[in-house]
Amino acid sequence: MKRMTVVMTACACLGIAAGAWGEGGAAQKTAATTASRPKVEIDLKDPQAALKTYFLAQQTLDSATIKKVIVISDTTKAGLADVTITYYLWSHYLERQAIAKFGEAEGMTVLSHLRSLDEQLTMDLKRVVLGNVDYSTDRTKATIYLRVERNRPEGLQTDQYTFLDSYHLVKDGSVWKVDYLKTYGLVDPEKEQQYQFNMGIFPKMVVVLKELSTDVRAGKYREASQVKNTLDTKWKIIEEANLPKEEAEPKE
């Protein structure tokens, strides 16, 4: 409970998602301006419409809508989904601030990306229209395979959560939703230790991302490399603090 409180407090401080985890999120601030964000119209009539809605919710950093268009197939991992979503929305926010401050080429290096998350989402909203939909025999599940663009930067996909080419969806009653855990590979029991590690580290990193975003907007960094170095250093400190004792201590 304490970990989630840290995440929620950080979100409230910046206004990424006012009422984000409730049903009635109010108008929200964009990452780049103080104007109210456009409301995402939820369309879950078919797999492609649902995935498009999911992309739009990511684009507007709208965690309330994200929560409405995903399914958590294993309720014991609901907390993991919560902290993961929050961590990556804040990462996205920081990248936007860095790009606004230092330009795209430099700004997107803060998170070691070869393409900005906003550029990818713009592409994905187009790719989903032409994506190949593979249904299960009973048509209650679907996998959408997005077309790989030409001249893709080598090494673009740096982790399991960004720059994906396939998404899993399930039929939830009469509507379609993104199967969050399956899409992001969070159902593998052999990786349970990594999942628990993420539960410990992501909420703490959200606080770091929030602080860095504020400092970038305030002009406290002259170069994107300084932001990246600070982020990497903070990650290493928090990572080492969350390792099991026998792994954190040097062996004789």
C-alpha atoms as a PDB file:
ATOM      1  CA  MET A   1       0.000   0.000   0.000  1.00  0.00           C
ATOM      2  CA  LYS A   2       2.864   2.353   0.835  1.00  0.00           C
ATOM      3  CA  ARG A   3       4.460   1.825  -2.594  1.00  0.00           C
ATOM      4  CA  MET A   4       1.276   2.733  -4.423  1.00  0.00           C
ATOM      5  CA  THR A   5       0.878   5.819  -2.203  1.00  0.00           C
ATOM      6  CA  VAL A   6       4.274   7.028  -3.413  1.00  0.00           C
ATOM      7  CA  VAL A   7       3.171   6.647  -7.016  1.00  0.00           C
ATOM      8  CA  MET A   8      -0.153   8.355  -6.488  1.00  0.00           C
ATOM      9  CA  THR A   9       1.443  11.246  -4.623  1.00  0.00           C
ATOM     10  CA  ALA A  10       3.897  11.815  -7.445  1.00  0.00           C
ATOM     11  CA  CYS A  11       1.119  11.830 -10.032  1.00  0.00           C
ATOM     12  CA  ALA A  12      -0.922  14.301  -8.022  1.00  0.00           C
ATOM     13  CA  CYS A  13       2.041  16.669  -7.677  1.00  0.00           C
ATOM     14  CA  LEU A  14       2.530  17.076 -11.407  1.00  0.00           C
ATOM     15  CA  GLY A  15      -1.039  16.654 -12.621  1.00  0.00           C
ATOM     16  CA  ILE A  16      -0.268  13.929 -15.154  1.00  0.00           C
ATOM     17  CA  ALA A  17      -3.602  12.350 -14.418  1.00  0.00           C
ATOM     18  CA  ALA A  18      -6.038  14.148 -12.196  1.00  0.00           C
ATOM     19  CA  GLY A  19      -8.264  11.407 -10.834  1.00  0.00           C
ATOM     20  CA  ALA A  20      -6.294   9.016 -12.982  1.00  0.00           C
ATOM     21  CA  TRP A  21      -7.124   5.868 -11.070  1.00  0.00           C
ATOM     22  CA  GLY A  22     -10.793   6.707 -10.540  1.00  0.00           C
ATOM     23  CA  GLU A  23     -13.708   6.613 -12.913  1.00  0.00           C
ATOM     24  CA  GLY A  24     -14.150  10.368 -13.270  1.00  0.00           C
ATOM     25  CA  GLY A  25     -10.830  11.903 -14.289  1.00  0.00           C
ATOM     26  CA  ALA A  26     -11.192  15.650 -14.865  1.00  0.00           C
ATOM     27  CA  ALA A  27      -9.534  17.655 -17.626  1.00  0.00           C
ATOM     28  CA  GLN A  28      -5.811  16.995 -17.476  1.00  0.00           C
ATOM     29  CA  LYS A  29      -2.700  18.989 -18.327  1.00  0.00           C
ATOM     30  CA  THR A  30      -0.556  18.069 -21.270  1.00  0.00           C
ATOM     31  CA  ALA A  31       3.112  17.378 -20.774  1.00  0.00           C
ATOM     32  CA  ALA A  32       4.137  20.380 -22.835  1.00  0.00           C
ATOM     33  CA  THR A  33       1.507  22.979 -21.918  1.00  0.00           C
ATOM     34  CA  THR A  34      -0.995  23.861 -19.228  1.00  0.00           C
ATOM     35  CA  ALA A  35      -3.958  23.528 -21.576  1.00  0.00           C
ATOM     36  CA  SER A  36      -6.568  20.866 -20.856  1.00  0.00           C
ATOM     37  CA  ARG A  37      -6.045  17.654 -22.742  1.00  0.00           C
ATOM     38  CA  PRO A  38      -8.613  16.533 -25.281  1.00  0.00           C
ATOM     39  CA  LYS A  39     -10.759  13.731 -23.954  1.00  0.00           C
ATOM     40  CA  VAL A  40     -10.041  10.345 -25.499  1.00  0.00           C
ATOM     41  CA  GLU A  41     -13.146   8.829 -27.019  1.00  0.00           C
ATOM     42  CA  ILE A  42     -13.274   5.181 -25.992  1.00  0.00           C
ATOM     43  CA  ASP A  43     -14.075   2.809 -28.839  1.00  0.00           C
ATOM     44  CA  LEU A  44     -13.876  -0.904 -28.061  1.00  0.00           C
ATOM     45  CA  LYS A  45     -16.080  -2.310 -30.786  1.00  0.00           C
ATOM     46  CA  ASP A  46     -13.309  -4.410 -32.339  1.00  0.00           C
ATOM     47  CA  PRO A  47      -9.627  -5.204 -31.647  1.00  0.00           C
ATOM     48  CA  GLN A  48      -8.249  -2.460 -33.884  1.00  0.00           C
ATOM     49  CA  ALA A  49     -10.537   0.204 -32.420  1.00  0.00           C
ATOM     50  CA  ALA A  50      -9.591  -0.862 -28.898  1.00  0.00           C
ATOM     51  CA  LEU A  51      -5.878  -0.752 -29.654  1.00  0.00           C
ATOM     52  CA  LYS A  52      -6.244   2.663 -31.275  1.00  0.00           C
ATOM     53  CA  THR A  53      -7.975   3.926 -28.125  1.00  0.00           C
ATOM     54  CA  TYR A  54      -5.128   2.502 -26.052  1.00  0.00           C
ATOM     55  CA  PHE A  55      -2.554   4.336 -28.173  1.00  0.00           C
ATOM     56  CA  LEU A  56      -4.494   7.599 -27.913  1.00  0.00           C
ATOM     57  CA  ALA A  57      -4.653   7.221 -24.123  1.00  0.00           C
ATOM     58  CA  GLN A  58      -0.889   6.749 -24.045  1.00  0.00           C
ATOM     59  CA  GLN A  59      -0.426   9.756 -26.293  1.00  0.00           C
ATOM     60  CA  THR A  60      -2.417  11.977 -23.921  1.00  0.00           C
ATOM     61  CA  LEU A  61      -0.820  10.402 -20.823  1.00  0.00           C
ATOM     62  CA  ASP A  62      -4.341   9.454 -19.742  1.00  0.00           C
ATOM     63  CA  SER A  63      -3.962   6.652 -17.234  1.00  0.00           C
ATOM     64  CA  ALA A  64      -7.675   6.722 -16.374  1.00  0.00           C
ATOM     65  CA  THR A  65      -8.561   5.738 -19.938  1.00  0.00           C
ATOM     66  CA  ILE A  66      -5.729   3.210 -20.101  1.00  0.00           C
ATOM     67  CA  LYS A  67      -7.255   1.486 -17.078  1.00  0.00           C
ATOM     68  CA  LYS A  68     -10.600   1.325 -18.865  1.00  0.00           C
ATOM     69  CA  VAL A  69      -9.297  -0.254 -22.058  1.00  0.00           C
ATOM     70  CA  ILE A  70      -7.110  -3.002 -20.600  1.00  0.00           C
ATOM     71  CA  VAL A  71      -7.807  -6.333 -18.948  1.00  0.00           C
ATOM     72  CA  ILE A  72      -5.700  -7.716 -16.105  1.00  0.00           C
ATOM     73  CA  SER A  73      -6.138 -11.455 -16.554  1.00  0.00           C
ATOM     74  CA  ASP A  74      -4.380 -12.283 -13.280  1.00  0.00           C
ATOM     75  CA  THR A  75      -5.729 -10.059 -10.513  1.00  0.00           C
ATOM     76  CA  THR A  76      -2.739 -10.888  -8.305  1.00  0.00           C
ATOM     77  CA  LYS A  77      -0.656  -8.825 -10.739  1.00  0.00           C
ATOM     78  CA  ALA A  78      -2.942  -5.785 -10.747  1.00  0.00           C
ATOM     79  CA  GLY A  79      -0.463  -3.874  -8.595  1.00  0.00           C
ATOM     80  CA  LEU A  80       2.349  -4.687 -11.001  1.00  0.00           C
ATOM     81  CA  ALA A  81       0.292  -3.342 -13.891  1.00  0.00           C
ATOM     82  CA  ASP A  82      -0.465  -0.164 -11.937  1.00  0.00           C
ATOM     83  CA  VAL A  83       3.145   0.668 -11.107  1.00  0.00           C
ATOM     84  CA  THR A  84       4.329  -0.252 -14.610  1.00  0.00           C
ATOM     85  CA  ILE A  85       1.766   1.976 -16.306  1.00  0.00           C
ATOM     86  CA  THR A  86       2.593   4.869 -13.990  1.00  0.00           C
ATOM     87  CA  TYR A  87       6.338   4.465 -14.437  1.00  0.00           C
ATOM     88  CA  TYR A  88       6.136   4.492 -18.225  1.00  0.00           C
ATOM     89  CA  LEU A  89       3.749   7.449 -18.349  1.00  0.00           C
ATOM     90  CA  TRP A  90       6.211   9.445 -16.265  1.00  0.00           C
ATOM     91  CA  SER A  91       9.070   8.284 -18.483  1.00  0.00           C
ATOM     92  CA  HIS A  92       7.096   9.528 -21.465  1.00  0.00           C
ATOM     93  CA  TYR A  93       6.474  12.833 -19.723  1.00  0.00           C
ATOM     94  CA  LEU A  94      10.166  13.313 -18.958  1.00  0.00           C
ATOM     95  CA  GLU A  95      11.092  12.577 -22.561  1.00  0.00           C
ATOM     96  CA  ARG A  96       8.646  15.224 -23.756  1.00  0.00           C
ATOM     97  CA  GLN A  97      10.145  17.774 -21.412  1.00  0.00           C
ATOM     98  CA  ALA A  98      13.668  16.898 -22.557  1.00  0.00           C
ATOM     99  CA  ILE A  99      12.716  17.169 -26.224  1.00  0.00           C
ATOM    100  CA  ALA A 100      10.976  20.506 -25.641  1.00  0.00           C
ATOM    101  CA  LYS A 101      14.085  21.793 -23.874  1.00  0.00           C
ATOM    102  CA  PHE A 102      16.964  20.272 -25.867  1.00  0.00           C
ATOM    103  CA  GLY A 103      15.415  19.318 -29.219  1.00  0.00           C
ATOM    104  CA  GLU A 104      14.352  15.875 -30.383  1.00  0.00           C
ATOM    105  CA  ALA A 105      17.755  14.483 -31.314  1.00  0.00           C
ATOM    106  CA  GLU A 106      19.178  15.212 -27.866  1.00  0.00           C
ATOM    107  CA  GLY A 107      16.015  14.962 -25.806  1.00  0.00           C
ATOM    108  CA  MET A 108      15.180  11.393 -26.691  1.00  0.00           C
ATOM    109  CA  THR A 109      18.631  10.233 -25.602  1.00  0.00           C
ATOM    110  CA  VAL A 110      17.655  10.846 -21.962  1.00  0.00           C
ATOM    111  CA  LEU A 111      15.873   7.482 -21.945  1.00  0.00           C
ATOM    112  CA  SER A 112      18.328   5.984 -24.458  1.00  0.00           C
ATOM    113  CA  HIS A 113      15.688   5.878 -27.184  1.00  0.00           C
ATOM    114  CA  LEU A 114      16.508   5.876 -30.879  1.00  0.00           C
ATOM    115  CA  ARG A 115      13.061   7.270 -31.656  1.00  0.00           C
ATOM    116  CA  SER A 116      10.833   9.378 -29.461  1.00  0.00           C
ATOM    117  CA  LEU A 117       7.821   7.745 -27.860  1.00  0.00           C
ATOM    118  CA  ASP A 118       5.572  10.400 -29.424  1.00  0.00           C
ATOM    119  CA  GLU A 119       6.892   9.682 -32.895  1.00  0.00           C
ATOM    120  CA  GLN A 120       6.351   5.973 -32.321  1.00  0.00           C
ATOM    121  CA  LEU A 121       2.773   6.487 -31.151  1.00  0.00           C
ATOM    122  CA  THR A 122       2.028   8.624 -34.206  1.00  0.00           C
ATOM    123  CA  MET A 123       3.316   5.792 -36.361  1.00  0.00           C
ATOM    124  CA  ASP A 124       1.432   3.152 -34.359  1.00  0.00           C
ATOM    125  CA  LEU A 125      -1.875   4.970 -34.800  1.00  0.00           C
ATOM    126  CA  LYS A 126      -1.337   4.581 -38.541  1.00  0.00           C
ATOM    127  CA  ARG A 127       0.058   1.063 -38.323  1.00  0.00           C
ATOM    128  CA  VAL A 128      -2.937  -0.243 -36.392  1.00  0.00           C
ATOM    129  CA  VAL A 129      -5.256   0.542 -39.313  1.00  0.00           C
ATOM    130  CA  LEU A 130      -3.192  -1.702 -41.587  1.00  0.00           C
ATOM    131  CA  GLY A 131      -2.327  -4.259 -38.934  1.00  0.00           C
ATOM    132  CA  ASN A 132      -2.986  -7.955 -39.382  1.00  0.00           C
ATOM    133  CA  VAL A 133      -5.570  -9.299 -36.908  1.00  0.00           C
ATOM    134  CA  ASP A 134      -5.250 -12.963 -35.976  1.00  0.00           C
ATOM    135  CA  TYR A 135      -8.326 -14.274 -34.119  1.00  0.00           C
ATOM    136  CA  SER A 136      -8.582 -17.355 -31.954  1.00  0.00           C
ATOM    137  CA  THR A 137     -10.921 -20.106 -33.140  1.00  0.00           C
ATOM    138  CA  ASP A 138     -13.748 -18.912 -30.889  1.00  0.00           C
ATOM    139  CA  ARG A 139     -12.999 -15.255 -31.743  1.00  0.00           C
ATOM    140  CA  THR A 140     -12.671 -14.238 -28.100  1.00  0.00           C
ATOM    141  CA  LYS A 141      -8.969 -13.432 -28.401  1.00  0.00           C
ATOM    142  CA  ALA A 142      -6.967 -11.611 -31.016  1.00  0.00           C
ATOM    143  CA  THR A 143      -3.392 -10.667 -31.734  1.00  0.00           C
ATOM    144  CA  ILE A 144      -2.703  -7.574 -33.810  1.00  0.00           C
ATOM    145  CA  TYR A 145       0.571  -7.610 -35.722  1.00  0.00           C
ATOM    146  CA  LEU A 146       1.689  -4.143 -36.776  1.00  0.00           C
ATOM    147  CA  ARG A 147       3.669  -3.759 -39.970  1.00  0.00           C
ATOM    148  CA  VAL A 148       7.359  -3.140 -39.485  1.00  0.00           C
ATOM    149  CA  GLU A 149       8.317   0.072 -41.241  1.00  0.00           C
ATOM    150  CA  ARG A 150      11.199   0.369 -43.654  1.00  0.00           C
ATOM    151  CA  ASN A 151      14.528   1.704 -42.450  1.00  0.00           C
ATOM    152  CA  ARG A 152      13.774   0.996 -38.813  1.00  0.00           C
ATOM    153  CA  PRO A 153      16.709   1.966 -36.564  1.00  0.00           C
ATOM    154  CA  GLU A 154      18.633  -1.119 -35.512  1.00  0.00           C
ATOM    155  CA  GLY A 155      18.251  -1.734 -31.786  1.00  0.00           C
ATOM    156  CA  LEU A 156      15.087   0.353 -31.496  1.00  0.00           C
ATOM    157  CA  GLN A 157      13.359  -1.985 -29.055  1.00  0.00           C
ATOM    158  CA  THR A 158      15.277  -1.497 -25.847  1.00  0.00           C
ATOM    159  CA  ASP A 159      12.904  -3.190 -23.396  1.00  0.00           C
ATOM    160  CA  GLN A 160       9.707  -5.214 -23.244  1.00  0.00           C
ATOM    161  CA  TYR A 161       7.413  -2.205 -22.800  1.00  0.00           C
ATOM    162  CA  THR A 162       8.181   0.101 -25.715  1.00  0.00           C
ATOM    163  CA  PHE A 163       8.186   0.001 -29.514  1.00  0.00           C
ATOM    164  CA  LEU A 164       6.168  -3.217 -29.787  1.00  0.00           C
ATOM    165  CA  ASP A 165       4.986  -4.785 -33.030  1.00  0.00           C
ATOM    166  CA  SER A 166       2.295  -7.088 -31.633  1.00  0.00           C
ATOM    167  CA  TYR A 167      -0.492  -6.651 -29.080  1.00  0.00           C
ATOM    168  CA  HIS A 168      -2.834  -9.173 -27.492  1.00  0.00           C
ATOM    169  CA  LEU A 169      -6.504  -8.394 -26.991  1.00  0.00           C
ATOM    170  CA  VAL A 170      -9.433 -10.256 -25.454  1.00  0.00           C
ATOM    171  CA  LYS A 171     -13.185  -9.944 -25.744  1.00  0.00           C
ATOM    172  CA  ASP A 172     -14.608  -8.729 -22.456  1.00  0.00           C
ATOM    173  CA  GLY A 173     -18.330  -9.227 -22.748  1.00  0.00           C
ATOM    174  CA  SER A 174     -19.336  -7.324 -25.869  1.00  0.00           C
ATOM    175  CA  VAL A 175     -16.196  -5.184 -26.092  1.00  0.00           C
ATOM    176  CA  TRP A 176     -12.516  -5.703 -26.827  1.00  0.00           C
ATOM    177  CA  LYS A 177      -9.683  -4.743 -24.495  1.00  0.00           C
ATOM    178  CA  VAL A 178      -5.908  -4.978 -24.453  1.00  0.00           C
ATOM    179  CA  ASP A 179      -4.601  -7.982 -22.514  1.00  0.00           C
ATOM    180  CA  TYR A 180      -2.011  -5.966 -20.628  1.00  0.00           C
ATOM    181  CA  LEU A 181      -0.117  -8.750 -18.888  1.00  0.00           C
ATOM    182  CA  LYS A 182       0.212 -10.930 -21.985  1.00  0.00           C
ATOM    183  CA  THR A 183       1.125  -8.037 -24.266  1.00  0.00           C
ATOM    184  CA  TYR A 184       4.005  -6.984 -22.032  1.00  0.00           C
ATOM    185  CA  GLY A 185       5.177 -10.465 -21.101  1.00  0.00           C
ATOM    186  CA  LEU A 186       4.164 -10.253 -17.446  1.00  0.00           C
ATOM    187  CA  VAL A 187       2.659 -13.747 -17.213  1.00  0.00           C
ATOM    188  CA  ASP A 188       5.852 -15.786 -17.157  1.00  0.00           C
ATOM    189  CA  PRO A 189       6.153 -17.461 -13.725  1.00  0.00           C
ATOM    190  CA  GLU A 190       9.888 -17.894 -14.270  1.00  0.00           C
ATOM    191  CA  LYS A 191      10.273 -14.105 -14.133  1.00  0.00           C
ATOM    192  CA  GLU A 192       8.401 -13.627 -10.865  1.00  0.00           C
ATOM    193  CA  GLN A 193      11.540 -12.376  -9.118  1.00  0.00           C
ATOM    194  CA  GLN A 194      11.959  -9.674 -11.764  1.00  0.00           C
ATOM    195  CA  TYR A 195       8.311  -8.686 -11.390  1.00  0.00           C
ATOM    196  CA  GLN A 196       8.714  -8.256  -7.648  1.00  0.00           C
ATOM    197  CA  PHE A 197      11.865  -6.238  -8.254  1.00  0.00           C
ATOM    198  CA  ASN A 198       9.913  -3.918 -10.558  1.00  0.00           C
ATOM    199  CA  MET A 199       7.246  -3.520  -7.884  1.00  0.00           C
ATOM    200  CA  GLY A 200       9.929  -2.226  -5.567  1.00  0.00           C
ATOM    201  CA  ILE A 201      11.884  -0.029  -7.953  1.00  0.00           C
ATOM    202  CA  PHE A 202       9.285   1.540 -10.264  1.00  0.00           C
ATOM    203  CA  PRO A 203       7.405   3.599  -7.615  1.00  0.00           C
ATOM    204  CA  LYS A 204      10.695   5.026  -6.339  1.00  0.00           C
ATOM    205  CA  MET A 205      11.811   5.846  -9.861  1.00  0.00           C
ATOM    206  CA  VAL A 206       8.525   7.665 -10.482  1.00  0.00           C
ATOM    207  CA  VAL A 207       9.572  10.170  -7.810  1.00  0.00           C
ATOM    208  CA  VAL A 208      12.902  10.609  -9.613  1.00  0.00           C
ATOM    209  CA  LEU A 209      11.197  11.093 -12.977  1.00  0.00           C
ATOM    210  CA  LYS A 210       8.888  13.692 -11.473  1.00  0.00           C
ATOM    211  CA  GLU A 211      11.781  15.635  -9.961  1.00  0.00           C
ATOM    212  CA  LEU A 212      13.794  15.516 -13.180  1.00  0.00           C
ATOM    213  CA  SER A 213      10.816  16.662 -15.250  1.00  0.00           C
ATOM    214  CA  THR A 214      10.309  19.627 -12.938  1.00  0.00           C
ATOM    215  CA  ASP A 215      14.009  20.521 -13.045  1.00  0.00           C
ATOM    216  CA  VAL A 216      14.179  20.273 -16.843  1.00  0.00           C
ATOM    217  CA  ARG A 217      11.193  22.586 -17.195  1.00  0.00           C
ATOM    218  CA  ALA A 218      12.801  25.010 -14.753  1.00  0.00           C
ATOM    219  CA  GLY A 219      15.989  25.113 -16.829  1.00  0.00           C
ATOM    220  CA  LYS A 220      18.248  23.535 -14.205  1.00  0.00           C
ATOM    221  CA  TYR A 221      20.026  21.404 -16.824  1.00  0.00           C
ATOM    222  CA  ARG A 222      22.035  22.824 -19.697  1.00  0.00           C
ATOM    223  CA  GLU A 223      22.442  19.580 -21.634  1.00  0.00           C
ATOM    224  CA  ALA A 224      20.395  16.433 -22.141  1.00  0.00           C
ATOM    225  CA  SER A 225      23.422  14.349 -21.191  1.00  0.00           C
ATOM    226  CA  GLN A 226      23.284  15.816 -17.694  1.00  0.00           C
ATOM    227  CA  VAL A 227      19.692  14.675 -17.310  1.00  0.00           C
ATOM    228  CA  LYS A 228      20.562  11.227 -18.578  1.00  0.00           C
ATOM    229  CA  ASN A 229      23.520  10.912 -16.229  1.00  0.00           C
ATOM    230  CA  THR A 230      21.385  11.940 -13.263  1.00  0.00           C
ATOM    231  CA  LEU A 231      18.657   9.477 -14.240  1.00  0.00           C
ATOM    232  CA  ASP A 232      21.132   6.632 -14.711  1.00  0.00           C
ATOM    233  CA  THR A 233      22.814   7.361 -11.393  1.00  0.00           C
ATOM    234  CA  LYS A 234      19.509   7.480  -9.509  1.00  0.00           C
ATOM    235  CA  TRP A 235      18.418   4.227 -11.157  1.00  0.00           C
ATOM    236  CA  LYS A 236      21.634   2.495 -10.127  1.00  0.00           C
ATOM    237  CA  ILE A 237      21.312   3.664  -6.524  1.00  0.00           C
ATOM    238  CA  ILE A 238      17.687   2.541  -6.246  1.00  0.00           C
ATOM    239  CA  GLU A 239      18.398  -0.702  -8.084  1.00  0.00           C
ATOM    240  CA  GLU A 240      21.219  -1.644  -5.717  1.00  0.00           C
ATOM    241  CA  ALA A 241      19.112  -0.735  -2.701  1.00  0.00           C
ATOM    242  CA  ASN A 242      16.367  -3.102  -3.887  1.00  0.00           C
ATOM    243  CA  LEU A 243      18.574  -6.079  -4.708  1.00  0.00           C
ATOM    244  CA  PRO A 244      18.413  -9.036  -2.318  1.00  0.00           C
ATOM    245  CA  LYS A 245      21.085  -8.648   0.365  1.00  0.00           C
ATOM    246  CA  GLU A 246      23.180 -11.527  -0.957  1.00  0.00           C
ATOM    247  CA  GLU A 247      23.250  -9.916  -4.425  1.00  0.00           C
ATOM    248  CA  ALA A 248      23.890  -6.374  -3.224  1.00  0.00           C
ATOM    249  CA  GLU A 249      26.896  -7.276  -1.139  1.00  0.00           C
ATOM    250  CA  PRO A 250      30.171  -8.222  -2.870  1.00  0.00           C
ATOM    251  CA  LYS A 251      31.123 -11.855  -2.539  1.00  0.00           C
ATOM    252  CA  GLU A 252      34.457 -12.841  -1.069  1.00  0.00           C
END
